[in-house]
């Protein structure tokens, strides 16, 4: 099983495929999902990326945490398990 990352402060226009493409620079992306509000159909400004290995997840954190993606400085850290 891969390592799930929380991605915060995303630009409203970012789509799943753009998020995946950006994080592939750090390694193998298992999945990338921008969270969408059900009622409005708009991005909630955050998402999740699952990296194939913990090492690739750490590389993604090192590469993207507090860096600019699509004009916004994003936050990247390991996602907490669902309660």
PDB file of N, CA and C in Angstrom:
ATOM      1  N   UNK A   1       0.833  -1.194   0.000  1.00  0.00           N
ATOM      2  CA  UNK A   1       0.000   0.000   0.000  1.00  0.00           C
ATOM      3  C   UNK A   1       0.873   1.251   0.000  1.00  0.00           C
ATOM      4  N   UNK A   2       0.424   2.281  -0.716  1.00  0.00           N
ATOM      5  CA  UNK A   2       1.177   3.521  -0.836  1.00  0.00           C
ATOM      6  C   UNK A   2       1.002   4.429   0.365  1.00  0.00           C
ATOM      7  N   UNK A   3       1.589   5.595   0.263  1.00  0.00           N
ATOM      8  CA  UNK A   3       1.503   6.607   1.312  1.00  0.00           C
ATOM      9  C   UNK A   3       0.640   7.744   0.810  1.00  0.00           C
ATOM     10  N   UNK A   4      -0.383   8.087   1.590  1.00  0.00           N
ATOM     11  CA  UNK A   4      -1.341   9.116   1.204  1.00  0.00           C
ATOM     12  C   UNK A   4      -0.872  10.488   1.710  1.00  0.00           C
ATOM     13  N   UNK A   5      -0.895  11.475   0.819  1.00  0.00           N
ATOM     14  CA  UNK A   5      -0.502  12.839   1.164  1.00  0.00           C
ATOM     15  C   UNK A   5      -1.697  13.774   1.087  1.00  0.00           C
ATOM     16  N   UNK A   6      -1.766  14.703   2.027  1.00  0.00           N
ATOM     17  CA  UNK A   6      -2.762  15.774   2.006  1.00  0.00           C
ATOM     18  C   UNK A   6      -2.139  16.967   1.289  1.00  0.00           C
ATOM     19  N   UNK A   7      -2.882  17.539   0.347  1.00  0.00           N
ATOM     20  CA  UNK A   7      -2.409  18.699  -0.402  1.00  0.00           C
ATOM     21  C   UNK A   7      -3.393  19.839  -0.137  1.00  0.00           C
ATOM     22  N   UNK A   8      -2.929  20.886   0.524  1.00  0.00           N
ATOM     23  CA  UNK A   8      -3.797  21.998   0.880  1.00  0.00           C
ATOM     24  C   UNK A   8      -3.457  23.272   0.125  1.00  0.00           C
ATOM     25  N   UNK A   9      -4.384  24.223   0.149  1.00  0.00           N
ATOM     26  CA  UNK A   9      -4.245  25.535  -0.497  1.00  0.00           C
ATOM     27  C   UNK A   9      -4.108  25.435  -2.015  1.00  0.00           C
ATOM     28  N   UNK A  10      -4.801  24.480  -2.604  1.00  0.00           N
ATOM     29  CA  UNK A  10      -4.762  24.326  -4.065  1.00  0.00           C
ATOM     30  C   UNK A  10      -5.507  25.459  -4.754  1.00  0.00           C
ATOM     31  N   UNK A  11      -5.029  25.817  -5.929  1.00  0.00           N
ATOM     32  CA  UNK A  11      -5.742  26.788  -6.766  1.00  0.00           C
ATOM     33  C   UNK A  11      -7.084  26.171  -7.145  1.00  0.00           C
ATOM     34  N   UNK A  12      -8.122  26.996  -7.222  1.00  0.00           N
ATOM     35  CA  UNK A  12      -9.474  26.490  -7.487  1.00  0.00           C
ATOM     36  C   UNK A  12      -9.588  25.743  -8.812  1.00  0.00           C
ATOM     37  N   UNK A  13      -8.750  26.108  -9.789  1.00  0.00           N
ATOM     38  CA  UNK A  13      -8.856  25.515 -11.117  1.00  0.00           C
ATOM     39  C   UNK A  13      -8.107  24.204 -11.319  1.00  0.00           C
ATOM     40  N   UNK A  14      -7.362  23.751 -10.320  1.00  0.00           N
ATOM     41  CA  UNK A  14      -6.578  22.508 -10.460  1.00  0.00           C
ATOM     42  C   UNK A  14      -7.505  21.308 -10.590  1.00  0.00           C
ATOM     43  N   UNK A  15      -7.200  20.441 -11.534  1.00  0.00           N
ATOM     44  CA  UNK A  15      -7.961  19.207 -11.756  1.00  0.00           C
ATOM     45  C   UNK A  15      -7.102  18.010 -11.342  1.00  0.00           C
ATOM     46  N   UNK A  16      -7.738  16.844 -11.202  1.00  0.00           N
ATOM     47  CA  UNK A  16      -7.050  15.621 -10.776  1.00  0.00           C
ATOM     48  C   UNK A  16      -5.809  15.332 -11.619  1.00  0.00           C
ATOM     49  N   UNK A  17      -5.959  15.418 -12.949  1.00  0.00           N
ATOM     50  CA  UNK A  17      -4.845  15.065 -13.833  1.00  0.00           C
ATOM     51  C   UNK A  17      -3.669  16.030 -13.692  1.00  0.00           C
ATOM     52  N   UNK A  18      -3.936  17.311 -13.434  1.00  0.00           N
ATOM     53  CA  UNK A  18      -2.861  18.286 -13.235  1.00  0.00           C
ATOM     54  C   UNK A  18      -2.116  18.014 -11.927  1.00  0.00           C
ATOM     55  N   UNK A  19      -2.862  17.638 -10.904  1.00  0.00           N
ATOM     56  CA  UNK A  19      -2.267  17.310  -9.616  1.00  0.00           C
ATOM     57  C   UNK A  19      -1.374  16.074  -9.765  1.00  0.00           C
ATOM     58  N   UNK A  20      -1.886  15.073 -10.464  1.00  0.00           N
ATOM     59  CA  UNK A  20      -1.113  13.847 -10.695  1.00  0.00           C
ATOM     60  C   UNK A  20       0.163  14.150 -11.463  1.00  0.00           C
ATOM     61  N   UNK A  21       0.048  14.925 -12.513  1.00  0.00           N
ATOM     62  CA  UNK A  21       1.198  15.267 -13.347  1.00  0.00           C
ATOM     63  C   UNK A  21       2.286  15.979 -12.533  1.00  0.00           C
ATOM     64  N   UNK A  22       1.884  16.905 -11.681  1.00  0.00           N
ATOM     65  CA  UNK A  22       2.850  17.643 -10.858  1.00  0.00           C
ATOM     66  C   UNK A  22       3.587  16.703  -9.906  1.00  0.00           C
ATOM     67  N   UNK A  23       2.869  15.803  -9.259  1.00  0.00           N
ATOM     68  CA  UNK A  23       3.473  14.933  -8.255  1.00  0.00           C
ATOM     69  C   UNK A  23       4.247  13.769  -8.865  1.00  0.00           C
ATOM     70  N   UNK A  24       4.008  13.468 -10.134  1.00  0.00           N
ATOM     71  CA  UNK A  24       4.793  12.425 -10.812  1.00  0.00           C
ATOM     72  C   UNK A  24       6.263  12.819 -10.934  1.00  0.00           C
ATOM     73  N   UNK A  25       6.558  14.090 -10.790  1.00  0.00           N
ATOM     74  CA  UNK A  25       7.953  14.542 -10.809  1.00  0.00           C
ATOM     75  C   UNK A  25       8.741  13.958  -9.636  1.00  0.00           C
ATOM     76  N   UNK A  26       8.032  13.572  -8.558  1.00  0.00           N
ATOM     77  CA  UNK A  26       8.679  13.034  -7.362  1.00  0.00           C
ATOM     78  C   UNK A  26       8.666  11.510  -7.325  1.00  0.00           C
ATOM     79  N   UNK A  27       7.887  10.876  -8.195  1.00  0.00           N
ATOM     80  CA  UNK A  27       7.812   9.417  -8.178  1.00  0.00           C
ATOM     81  C   UNK A  27       6.495   8.908  -8.737  1.00  0.00           C
ATOM     82  N   UNK A  28       6.208   7.647  -8.454  1.00  0.00           N
ATOM     83  CA  UNK A  28       5.009   6.993  -8.973  1.00  0.00           C
ATOM     84  C   UNK A  28       3.772   7.410  -8.182  1.00  0.00           C
ATOM     85  N   UNK A  29       2.802   7.986  -8.893  1.00  0.00           N
ATOM     86  CA  UNK A  29       1.540   8.397  -8.275  1.00  0.00           C
ATOM     87  C   UNK A  29       0.512   7.282  -8.484  1.00  0.00           C
ATOM     88  N   UNK A  30      -0.007   6.743  -7.384  1.00  0.00           N
ATOM     89  CA  UNK A  30      -1.032   5.708  -7.452  1.00  0.00           C
ATOM     90  C   UNK A  30      -2.377   6.348  -7.770  1.00  0.00           C
ATOM     91  N   UNK A  31      -2.674   7.476  -7.106  1.00  0.00           N
ATOM     92  CA  UNK A  31      -3.920   8.201  -7.367  1.00  0.00           C
ATOM     93  C   UNK A  31      -3.755   9.657  -6.961  1.00  0.00           C
ATOM     94  N   UNK A  32      -4.566  10.506  -7.581  1.00  0.00           N
ATOM     95  CA  UNK A  32      -4.573  11.941  -7.257  1.00  0.00           C
ATOM     96  C   UNK A  32      -6.016  12.413  -7.356  1.00  0.00           C
ATOM     97  N   UNK A  33      -6.515  13.039  -6.286  1.00  0.00           N
ATOM     98  CA  UNK A  33      -7.921  13.442  -6.250  1.00  0.00           C
ATOM     99  C   UNK A  33      -8.066  14.814  -5.620  1.00  0.00           C
ATOM    100  N   UNK A  34      -8.637  15.738  -6.382  1.00  0.00           N
ATOM    101  CA  UNK A  34      -9.006  17.050  -5.849  1.00  0.00           C
ATOM    102  C   UNK A  34     -10.415  16.887  -5.280  1.00  0.00           C
ATOM    103  N   UNK A  35     -10.630  17.343  -4.051  1.00  0.00           N
ATOM    104  CA  UNK A  35     -11.937  17.192  -3.404  1.00  0.00           C
ATOM    105  C   UNK A  35     -12.884  18.280  -3.913  1.00  0.00           C
ATOM    106  N   UNK A  36     -14.050  17.833  -4.367  1.00  0.00           N
ATOM    107  CA  UNK A  36     -15.051  18.717  -4.975  1.00  0.00           C
ATOM    108  C   UNK A  36     -16.279  18.821  -4.062  1.00  0.00           C
ATOM    109  N   UNK A  37     -16.789  20.038  -3.908  1.00  0.00           N
ATOM    110  CA  UNK A  37     -18.013  20.261  -3.148  1.00  0.00           C
ATOM    111  C   UNK A  37     -19.190  19.693  -3.937  1.00  0.00           C
ATOM    112  N   UNK A  38     -19.987  18.846  -3.312  1.00  0.00           N
ATOM    113  CA  UNK A  38     -21.107  18.186  -4.005  1.00  0.00           C
ATOM    114  C   UNK A  38     -22.167  19.160  -4.489  1.00  0.00           C
ATOM    115  N   UNK A  39     -22.442  20.174  -3.703  1.00  0.00           N
ATOM    116  CA  UNK A  39     -23.515  21.100  -4.055  1.00  0.00           C
ATOM    117  C   UNK A  39     -23.123  22.085  -5.147  1.00  0.00           C
ATOM    118  N   UNK A  40     -21.916  22.661  -5.029  1.00  0.00           N
ATOM    119  CA  UNK A  40     -21.512  23.683  -6.004  1.00  0.00           C
ATOM    120  C   UNK A  40     -20.750  23.105  -7.194  1.00  0.00           C
ATOM    121  N   UNK A  41     -20.158  21.912  -7.013  1.00  0.00           N
ATOM    122  CA  UNK A  41     -19.353  21.321  -8.079  1.00  0.00           C
ATOM    123  C   UNK A  41     -17.980  21.958  -8.207  1.00  0.00           C
ATOM    124  N   UNK A  42     -17.615  22.817  -7.252  1.00  0.00           N
ATOM    125  CA  UNK A  42     -16.312  23.503  -7.278  1.00  0.00           C
ATOM    126  C   UNK A  42     -15.339  22.826  -6.325  1.00  0.00           C
ATOM    127  N   UNK A  43     -14.062  23.031  -6.604  1.00  0.00           N
ATOM    128  CA  UNK A  43     -13.008  22.504  -5.747  1.00  0.00           C
ATOM    129  C   UNK A  43     -13.135  23.082  -4.338  1.00  0.00           C
ATOM    130  N   UNK A  44     -12.798  22.261  -3.340  1.00  0.00           N
ATOM    131  CA  UNK A  44     -12.759  22.747  -1.962  1.00  0.00           C
ATOM    132  C   UNK A  44     -11.375  23.303  -1.617  1.00  0.00           C
ATOM    133  N   UNK A  45     -10.443  23.248  -2.588  1.00  0.00           N
ATOM    134  CA  UNK A  45      -9.118  23.825  -2.369  1.00  0.00           C
ATOM    135  C   UNK A  45      -8.122  22.869  -1.736  1.00  0.00           C
ATOM    136  N   UNK A  46      -8.475  21.581  -1.669  1.00  0.00           N
ATOM    137  CA  UNK A  46      -7.522  20.599  -1.163  1.00  0.00           C
ATOM    138  C   UNK A  46      -7.740  19.270  -1.867  1.00  0.00           C
ATOM    139  N   UNK A  47      -6.776  18.380  -1.680  1.00  0.00           N
ATOM    140  CA  UNK A  47      -6.879  17.077  -2.319  1.00  0.00           C
ATOM    141  C   UNK A  47      -5.936  16.085  -1.673  1.00  0.00           C
ATOM    142  N   UNK A  48      -5.877  14.899  -2.276  1.00  0.00           N
ATOM    143  CA  UNK A  48      -5.032  13.830  -1.762  1.00  0.00           C
ATOM    144  C   UNK A  48      -4.281  13.187  -2.918  1.00  0.00           C
ATOM    145  N   UNK A  49      -3.024  12.864  -2.668  1.00  0.00           N
ATOM    146  CA  UNK A  49      -2.205  12.153  -3.647  1.00  0.00           C
ATOM    147  C   UNK A  49      -1.629  10.933  -2.940  1.00  0.00           C
ATOM    148  N   UNK A  50      -1.788   9.766  -3.553  1.00  0.00           N
ATOM    149  CA  UNK A  50      -1.188   8.558  -2.999  1.00  0.00           C
ATOM    150  C   UNK A  50       0.062   8.232  -3.803  1.00  0.00           C
ATOM    151  N   UNK A  51       1.195   8.200  -3.112  1.00  0.00           N
ATOM    152  CA  UNK A  51       2.472   7.851  -3.732  1.00  0.00           C
ATOM    153  C   UNK A  51       2.740   6.363  -3.490  1.00  0.00           C
ATOM    154  N   UNK A  52       3.461   5.719  -4.416  1.00  0.00           N
ATOM    155  CA  UNK A  52       3.672   4.274  -4.369  1.00  0.00           C
ATOM    156  C   UNK A  52       4.479   3.809  -3.162  1.00  0.00           C
ATOM    157  N   UNK A  53       5.464   4.595  -2.741  1.00  0.00           N
ATOM    158  CA  UNK A  53       6.310   4.181  -1.612  1.00  0.00           C
ATOM    159  C   UNK A  53       6.471   5.332  -0.627  1.00  0.00           C
ATOM    160  N   UNK A  54       6.818   5.015   0.624  1.00  0.00           N
ATOM    161  CA  UNK A  54       7.078   6.086   1.599  1.00  0.00           C
ATOM    162  C   UNK A  54       8.232   7.004   1.163  1.00  0.00           C
ATOM    163  N   UNK A  55       9.219   6.449   0.475  1.00  0.00           N
ATOM    164  CA  UNK A  55      10.356   7.251   0.005  1.00  0.00           C
ATOM    165  C   UNK A  55       9.897   8.255  -1.050  1.00  0.00           C
ATOM    166  N   UNK A  56       9.033   7.820  -1.957  1.00  0.00           N
ATOM    167  CA  UNK A  56       8.514   8.736  -2.978  1.00  0.00           C
ATOM    168  C   UNK A  56       7.604   9.795  -2.343  1.00  0.00           C
ATOM    169  N   UNK A  57       6.866   9.391  -1.320  1.00  0.00           N
ATOM    170  CA  UNK A  57       6.015  10.356  -0.604  1.00  0.00           C
ATOM    171  C   UNK A  57       6.879  11.434   0.043  1.00  0.00           C
ATOM    172  N   UNK A  58       7.985  11.025   0.665  1.00  0.00           N
ATOM    173  CA  UNK A  58       8.878  12.000   1.296  1.00  0.00           C
ATOM    174  C   UNK A  58       9.509  12.904   0.242  1.00  0.00           C
ATOM    175  N   UNK A  59       9.846  12.331  -0.902  1.00  0.00           N
ATOM    176  CA  UNK A  59      10.411  13.134  -1.997  1.00  0.00           C
ATOM    177  C   UNK A  59       9.391  14.168  -2.468  1.00  0.00           C
ATOM    178  N   UNK A  60       8.117  13.776  -2.542  1.00  0.00           N
ATOM    179  CA  UNK A  60       7.054  14.705  -2.954  1.00  0.00           C
ATOM    180  C   UNK A  60       6.883  15.825  -1.926  1.00  0.00           C
ATOM    181  N   UNK A  61       6.948  15.488  -0.647  1.00  0.00           N
ATOM    182  CA  UNK A  61       6.846  16.506   0.408  1.00  0.00           C
ATOM    183  C   UNK A  61       8.014  17.486   0.265  1.00  0.00           C
ATOM    184  N   UNK A  62       9.213  16.934   0.120  1.00  0.00           N
ATOM    185  CA  UNK A  62      10.404  17.778  -0.012  1.00  0.00           C
ATOM    186  C   UNK A  62      10.314  18.675  -1.249  1.00  0.00           C
ATOM    187  N   UNK A  63       9.766  18.146  -2.329  1.00  0.00           N
ATOM    188  CA  UNK A  63       9.689  18.881  -3.593  1.00  0.00           C
ATOM    189  C   UNK A  63       8.598  19.953  -3.581  1.00  0.00           C
ATOM    190  N   UNK A  64       7.438  19.670  -2.968  1.00  0.00           N
ATOM    191  CA  UNK A  64       6.268  20.539  -3.135  1.00  0.00           C
ATOM    192  C   UNK A  64       5.817  21.324  -1.899  1.00  0.00           C
ATOM    193  N   UNK A  65       6.182  20.917  -0.695  1.00  0.00           N
ATOM    194  CA  UNK A  65       5.690  21.634   0.497  1.00  0.00           C
ATOM    195  C   UNK A  65       6.148  23.093   0.467  1.00  0.00           C
ATOM    196  N   UNK A  66       5.176  23.982   0.581  1.00  0.00           N
ATOM    197  CA  UNK A  66       5.383  25.439   0.562  1.00  0.00           C
ATOM    198  C   UNK A  66       6.018  25.929  -0.742  1.00  0.00           C
ATOM    199  N   UNK A  67       5.704  25.222  -1.834  1.00  0.00           N
ATOM    200  CA  UNK A  67       6.151  25.637  -3.167  1.00  0.00           C
ATOM    201  C   UNK A  67       4.916  26.056  -3.968  1.00  0.00           C
ATOM    202  N   UNK A  68       5.146  26.737  -5.085  1.00  0.00           N
ATOM    203  CA  UNK A  68       4.046  27.252  -5.886  1.00  0.00           C
ATOM    204  C   UNK A  68       3.587  26.247  -6.936  1.00  0.00           C
ATOM    205  N   UNK A  69       2.280  26.049  -7.001  1.00  0.00           N
ATOM    206  CA  UNK A  69       1.652  25.225  -8.030  1.00  0.00           C
ATOM    207  C   UNK A  69       0.446  26.003  -8.549  1.00  0.00           C
ATOM    208  N   UNK A  70       0.451  26.311  -9.824  1.00  0.00           N
ATOM    209  CA  UNK A  70      -0.636  27.067 -10.468  1.00  0.00           C
ATOM    210  C   UNK A  70      -0.921  28.394  -9.755  1.00  0.00           C
ATOM    211  N   UNK A  71       0.154  29.062  -9.324  1.00  0.00           N
ATOM    212  CA  UNK A  71       0.008  30.387  -8.745  1.00  0.00           C
ATOM    213  C   UNK A  71      -0.313  30.433  -7.264  1.00  0.00           C
ATOM    214  N   UNK A  72      -0.414  29.266  -6.608  1.00  0.00           N
ATOM    215  CA  UNK A  72      -0.696  29.233  -5.160  1.00  0.00           C
ATOM    216  C   UNK A  72       0.415  28.467  -4.442  1.00  0.00           C
ATOM    217  N   UNK A  73       0.765  28.902  -3.251  1.00  0.00           N
ATOM    218  CA  UNK A  73       1.727  28.173  -2.424  1.00  0.00           C
ATOM    219  C   UNK A  73       0.965  27.063  -1.715  1.00  0.00           C
ATOM    220  N   UNK A  74       1.338  25.820  -2.018  1.00  0.00           N
ATOM    221  CA  UNK A  74       0.589  24.682  -1.473  1.00  0.00           C
ATOM    222  C   UNK A  74       1.247  24.111  -0.221  1.00  0.00           C
ATOM    223  N   UNK A  75       0.449  23.393   0.542  1.00  0.00           N
ATOM    224  CA  UNK A  75       0.886  22.701   1.749  1.00  0.00           C
ATOM    225  C   UNK A  75       0.836  21.204   1.440  1.00  0.00           C
ATOM    226  N   UNK A  76       1.910  20.493   1.747  1.00  0.00           N
ATOM    227  CA  UNK A  76       1.954  19.050   1.495  1.00  0.00           C
ATOM    228  C   UNK A  76       2.456  18.351   2.746  1.00  0.00           C
ATOM    229  N   UNK A  77       1.666  17.420   3.259  1.00  0.00           N
ATOM    230  CA  UNK A  77       2.117  16.590   4.355  1.00  0.00           C
ATOM    231  C   UNK A  77       1.404  15.241   4.337  1.00  0.00           C
ATOM    232  N   UNK A  78       1.891  14.331   5.153  1.00  0.00           N
ATOM    233  CA  UNK A  78       1.295  13.007   5.190  1.00  0.00           C
ATOM    234  C   UNK A  78      -0.120  13.116   5.744  1.00  0.00           C
ATOM    235  N   UNK A  79      -1.054  12.471   5.046  1.00  0.00           N
ATOM    236  CA  UNK A  79      -2.466  12.537   5.470  1.00  0.00           C
ATOM    237  C   UNK A  79      -2.661  11.723   6.745  1.00  0.00           C
ATOM    238  N   UNK A  80      -3.507  12.228   7.616  1.00  0.00           N
ATOM    239  CA  UNK A  80      -3.864  11.491   8.832  1.00  0.00           C
ATOM    240  C   UNK A  80      -4.904  10.441   8.469  1.00  0.00           C
ATOM    241  N   UNK A  81      -4.870   9.279   9.138  1.00  0.00           N
ATOM    242  CA  UNK A  81      -5.891   8.264   8.845  1.00  0.00           C
ATOM    243  C   UNK A  81      -7.294   8.771   9.196  1.00  0.00           C
ATOM    244  N   UNK A  82      -8.297   8.271   8.468  1.00  0.00           N
ATOM    245  CA  UNK A  82      -9.677   8.648   8.778  1.00  0.00           C
ATOM    246  C   UNK A  82     -10.040   8.178  10.168  1.00  0.00           C
ATOM    247  N   UNK A  83     -10.764   9.023  10.890  1.00  0.00           N
ATOM    248  CA  UNK A  83     -11.151   8.686  12.272  1.00  0.00           C
ATOM    249  C   UNK A  83     -12.241   7.641  12.304  1.00  0.00           C
TER     250      UNK A  83
END
